[in-house]
Amino acid sequence: MFTTIWIAITCFVSIIFPYIKQVLSILGGLIAVQLSYTLPTYVKVTLSKDSWYQWDNLKAILFFGTLFILGMLSVVVTVIEIVTGENEMPRWK
């Protein structure tokens, strides 16, 4: 059921927005990051018998926290690209 709803939402958004690449990039950066990194980390730390600051849990928090930040940065870069009208970020020389 979730997959059907997700496909319907994606189709609806793609019809409304002609430049779907940027919209899907934002949605993917927000939703995929939450499902792939935040939820499993939360479940692992919650189900662990140790406290969250024990090394085993802290490793998972630090690793997936870094991936979470990178996912959010990709959303920021996409928004900057939309606002400035650029297709890719400028390169440093």
Protein backbone atom coordinates (compact mmCIF):
# COMPACT_ATOMS: atom_id res chain seq x y z
CA MET A 1 0.00 0.00 0.00
CA PHE A 2 2.81 2.40 0.90
CA THR A 3 4.50 1.79 -2.46
CA THR A 4 1.30 2.55 -4.36
CA ILE A 5 0.79 5.79 -2.46
CA TRP A 6 4.43 6.77 -2.99
CA ILE A 7 4.19 6.15 -6.75
CA ALA A 8 0.95 8.14 -6.94
CA ILE A 9 2.50 11.09 -5.09
CA THR A 10 5.57 10.95 -7.31
CA CYS A 11 3.43 10.91 -10.46
CA PHE A 12 1.33 13.81 -9.19
CA VAL A 13 4.40 15.90 -8.40
CA SER A 14 5.97 15.12 -11.78
CA ILE A 15 2.84 16.33 -13.57
CA ILE A 16 2.70 19.56 -11.55
CA PHE A 17 6.42 20.40 -11.82
CA PRO A 18 7.97 20.20 -15.30
CA TYR A 19 11.54 20.23 -13.92
CA ILE A 20 11.14 17.07 -11.89
CA LYS A 21 14.84 16.38 -11.43
CA GLN A 22 15.23 19.04 -8.78
CA VAL A 23 11.98 18.19 -7.02
CA LEU A 24 12.87 14.50 -6.83
CA SER A 25 16.34 15.43 -5.66
CA ILE A 26 14.86 17.36 -2.76
CA LEU A 27 12.31 14.65 -1.94
CA GLY A 28 14.95 11.94 -2.21
CA GLY A 29 17.38 13.87 -0.07
CA LEU A 30 14.79 14.39 2.64
CA ILE A 31 12.81 11.15 2.60
CA ALA A 32 15.48 8.64 1.59
CA VAL A 33 17.86 9.99 4.21
CA GLN A 34 15.21 9.63 6.89
CA LEU A 35 14.29 6.08 5.90
CA SER A 36 17.82 4.85 5.21
CA TYR A 37 19.86 6.42 7.98
CA THR A 38 17.79 7.93 10.78
CA LEU A 39 15.23 5.20 11.38
CA PRO A 40 17.64 2.21 11.51
CA THR A 41 20.01 4.13 13.78
CA TYR A 42 17.17 5.02 16.12
CA VAL A 43 15.98 1.40 16.22
CA LYS A 44 19.50 0.07 16.85
CA VAL A 45 20.17 2.49 19.70
CA THR A 46 16.72 2.00 21.20
CA LEU A 47 16.86 -1.81 21.12
CA SER A 48 20.42 -1.94 22.42
CA LYS A 49 20.90 -2.87 26.05
CA ASP A 50 23.63 -0.25 26.36
CA SER A 51 23.05 3.48 26.71
CA TRP A 52 23.32 5.69 23.65
CA TYR A 53 26.77 7.00 24.60
CA GLN A 54 28.40 3.56 24.73
CA TRP A 55 30.98 3.06 21.98
CA ASP A 56 28.97 0.52 19.96
CA ASN A 57 25.96 2.82 19.74
CA LEU A 58 28.07 5.94 19.38
CA LYS A 59 29.82 4.48 16.31
CA ALA A 60 26.47 4.00 14.58
CA ILE A 61 25.29 7.48 15.58
CA LEU A 62 28.47 9.13 14.31
CA PHE A 63 28.62 7.16 11.04
CA PHE A 64 24.97 7.50 10.09
CA GLY A 65 24.86 11.05 11.48
CA THR A 66 27.58 11.97 9.00
CA LEU A 67 25.60 10.39 6.16
CA PHE A 68 22.49 12.23 7.36
CA ILE A 69 24.35 15.56 7.20
CA LEU A 70 25.60 14.78 3.68
CA GLY A 71 22.04 13.99 2.59
CA MET A 72 20.78 17.27 3.99
CA LEU A 73 23.64 19.13 2.30
CA SER A 74 22.57 17.66 -1.03
CA VAL A 75 19.14 19.19 -0.46
CA VAL A 76 20.73 22.56 0.33
CA VAL A 77 22.82 22.37 -2.86
CA THR A 78 19.72 21.56 -4.91
CA VAL A 79 17.82 24.51 -3.43
CA ILE A 80 20.79 26.79 -4.20
CA GLU A 81 20.79 25.49 -7.78
CA ILE A 82 17.06 26.21 -8.10
CA VAL A 83 17.36 29.72 -6.67
CA THR A 84 20.40 30.73 -8.73
CA GLY A 85 19.31 28.95 -11.92
CA GLU A 86 22.63 27.12 -12.17
CA ASN A 87 22.73 23.49 -13.28
CA GLU A 88 25.72 22.63 -11.18
CA MET A 89 27.65 24.21 -8.34
CA PRO A 90 30.61 26.43 -9.32
CA ARG A 91 34.04 24.82 -9.16
CA TRP A 92 36.97 26.32 -7.30
CA LYS A 93 40.03 26.93 -9.43
